[in-house]
Protein backbone atom coordinates (compact mmCIF):
# COMPACT_ATOMS: atom_id res chain seq x y z
CA MET A 1 -12.28 -0.76 10.50
CA ALA A 2 -15.63 0.80 9.57
CA THR A 3 -16.26 0.79 5.86
CA ASP A 4 -18.97 2.14 3.49
CA SER A 5 -20.39 -0.92 1.85
CA SER A 6 -21.56 1.11 -1.13
CA ILE A 7 -17.86 1.85 -2.12
CA ILE A 8 -16.14 -0.98 -3.97
CA GLU A 9 -12.38 -1.08 -3.75
CA LYS A 10 -10.58 -1.52 -7.01
CA TRP A 11 -7.16 -3.31 -6.88
CA ILE A 12 -4.76 -2.45 -9.63
CA PRO A 13 -1.82 -4.84 -9.73
CA LEU A 14 1.52 -3.07 -10.44
CA GLN A 15 4.03 -5.51 -12.00
CA TYR A 16 7.26 -3.91 -10.62
CA ILE A 17 7.87 -6.91 -8.27
CA VAL A 18 7.79 -10.41 -9.69
CA GLY A 19 6.89 -13.44 -7.64
CA GLU A 20 6.19 -14.02 -3.98
CA CYS A 21 8.07 -12.14 -1.30
CA SER A 22 8.35 -12.13 2.44
CA VAL A 23 9.05 -9.12 4.74
CA SER A 24 12.51 -9.10 6.10
CA ARG A 25 12.67 -5.45 7.45
CA ILE A 26 10.45 -2.49 7.93
CA GLU A 27 11.57 0.92 9.20
CA TYR A 28 9.80 4.17 9.57
CA ASP A 29 11.64 7.42 10.26
CA ALA A 30 8.62 9.68 10.68
CA THR A 31 8.73 10.67 7.04
CA ASN A 32 9.68 7.64 4.83
CA LEU A 33 8.90 4.01 5.10
CA LEU A 34 11.59 1.48 4.11
CA VAL A 35 10.43 -2.07 3.38
CA GLU A 36 12.85 -4.82 2.47
CA LEU A 37 11.36 -7.93 0.95
CA ASP A 38 13.00 -11.23 0.33
CA SER A 39 12.18 -12.31 -3.16
CA PHE A 40 11.82 -16.08 -3.60
CA HIS A 41 11.84 -15.60 -7.48
CA LEU A 42 14.92 -13.39 -7.62
CA GLY A 43 16.81 -14.95 -4.68
CA ARG A 44 17.60 -11.55 -3.26
CA THR A 45 16.29 -8.65 -1.19
CA ILE A 46 14.25 -5.97 -2.78
CA GLU A 47 14.34 -2.45 -1.17
CA ILE A 48 11.23 -0.26 -1.40
CA ILE A 49 11.03 3.27 -0.05
CA PHE A 50 7.72 5.09 0.25
CA SER A 51 8.32 8.82 0.59
CA ASP A 52 6.34 11.25 2.65
CA VAL A 53 4.17 8.64 4.21
CA PHE A 54 0.92 9.88 5.67
CA SER A 55 -0.09 6.53 7.34
CA TYR A 56 0.82 2.87 7.22
CA ARG A 57 -0.24 -0.33 8.84
CA MET A 58 1.12 -3.86 8.81
CA THR A 59 -1.16 -6.81 9.41
CA LEU A 60 -0.78 -10.52 9.41
CA GLU A 61 -2.57 -11.66 6.25
CA HIS A 62 -5.08 -14.01 7.97
CA PHE A 63 -6.48 -11.09 10.10
CA ARG A 64 -7.57 -9.42 6.83
CA TRP A 65 -9.27 -12.45 5.34
CA ALA A 66 -12.83 -11.04 5.61
CA GLU A 67 -11.77 -8.01 3.55
CA PHE A 68 -10.27 -10.19 0.82
CA VAL A 69 -13.33 -12.48 0.27
CA ASN A 70 -14.96 -10.02 -1.99
CA THR A 71 -12.01 -8.65 -3.80
CA PRO A 72 -10.43 -10.07 -7.01
CA GLN A 73 -7.60 -12.55 -6.53
CA THR A 74 -4.23 -11.08 -7.53
CA SER A 75 -0.77 -12.43 -7.32
CA ALA A 76 0.95 -9.05 -7.58
CA THR A 77 3.07 -7.91 -4.67
CA LEU A 78 2.50 -4.13 -5.19
CA ILE A 79 -1.09 -3.03 -5.69
CA LYS A 80 -2.67 0.45 -6.14
CA VAL A 81 -6.00 0.66 -4.29
CA GLU A 82 -8.73 2.95 -5.60
CA ASN A 83 -11.87 3.77 -3.61
CA SER A 84 -9.91 2.69 -0.59
CA ASN A 85 -11.64 1.70 2.62
CA TYR A 86 -8.35 2.45 4.44
CA ILE A 87 -8.36 6.06 3.24
CA LYS A 88 -12.10 6.44 3.99
CA TRP A 89 -11.34 5.17 7.50
CA LEU A 90 -8.47 7.63 7.92
CA GLU A 91 -10.75 10.48 6.80
CA ASP A 92 -13.43 9.49 9.17
CA ALA A 93 -11.06 8.98 12.01
CA GLY A 94 -9.83 12.60 11.92
CA VAL A 95 -8.32 13.83 8.63
CA LYS A 96 -11.46 15.80 7.78
CA GLN A 97 -11.65 17.33 11.17
CA LEU A 98 -7.93 18.17 11.37
CA TYR A 99 -7.52 19.57 7.79
CA ASP A 100 -11.11 20.86 7.29
CA SER A 101 -11.16 18.88 3.96
CA SER A 102 -10.07 15.67 2.39
CA LEU A 103 -6.40 15.44 1.44
CA ASN A 104 -5.29 14.10 -1.90
CA ILE A 105 -4.11 10.73 -0.57
CA ILE A 106 -3.39 7.62 -2.49
CA HIS A 107 -3.25 4.02 -1.15
CA TYR A 108 -0.80 1.29 -2.05
CA MET A 109 -0.68 -2.22 -0.69
CA LEU A 110 2.21 -4.72 -0.48
CA GLN A 111 0.91 -8.30 -0.32
CA THR A 112 3.49 -10.76 0.90
CA THR A 113 3.38 -14.40 1.87
CA GLU A 114 2.34 -13.54 5.49
CA HIS A 115 1.74 -9.80 5.78
CA ILE A 116 -0.32 -6.97 4.22
CA ILE A 117 1.24 -3.52 4.38
CA ASP A 118 -1.08 -0.63 3.56
CA VAL A 119 0.65 2.67 2.81
CA ALA A 120 -1.18 5.98 2.40
CA LEU A 121 0.80 8.66 0.63
CA LEU A 122 0.10 12.25 -0.50
CA ARG A 123 -0.47 11.91 -4.25
CA ASN A 124 2.75 13.80 -5.18
CA SER A 125 4.89 11.43 -3.11
CA SER A 126 7.09 8.73 -4.72
CA ILE A 127 7.91 5.08 -4.34
CA THR A 128 11.48 3.91 -5.05
CA ILE A 129 12.14 0.25 -5.82
CA ASP A 130 15.82 -0.85 -5.88
CA GLY A 131 16.82 2.82 -6.55
CA LYS A 132 14.26 3.35 -9.42
CA GLU A 133 11.60 5.96 -8.68
CA ILE A 134 7.92 5.44 -9.53
CA ILE A 135 5.79 8.47 -9.91
CA CYS A 136 2.64 8.00 -7.82
CA ASN A 137 0.48 10.60 -9.39
CA SER A 138 0.72 9.10 -12.94
CA ALA A 139 -2.51 7.76 -14.47
CA VAL A 140 -1.08 4.35 -15.13
CA GLU A 141 2.09 3.19 -13.29
CA SER A 142 2.35 -0.27 -14.77
């Protein structure tokens, strides 16, 4: 992924999910992304639904090691990413050419024991965790 080294990503931990989790299921229906995480802390499955997904990617954690070297260590499972290299990459890959401008996209990341899931949503989309909706366009979600 090509990145602009002058842009520093900012990771904002969102404390909606406590403790480490592993991915047990992921399903995309061309609109929404369903992610089920097995929570070691809670001893149950957590269901997360990202609505109106623009793009997502799932990567084994060790393949993203180089990107994490210069970012702050965080133990949060759900993270909001500002100044996102992922969104910059999407824009450079074709968003600007297709839409003649930048879209108002926001980037969230799920950090699990073995995987990183990046999700790009339109800013007016929502995230639902165990049936409780989180408003993505709020200034502070935590």
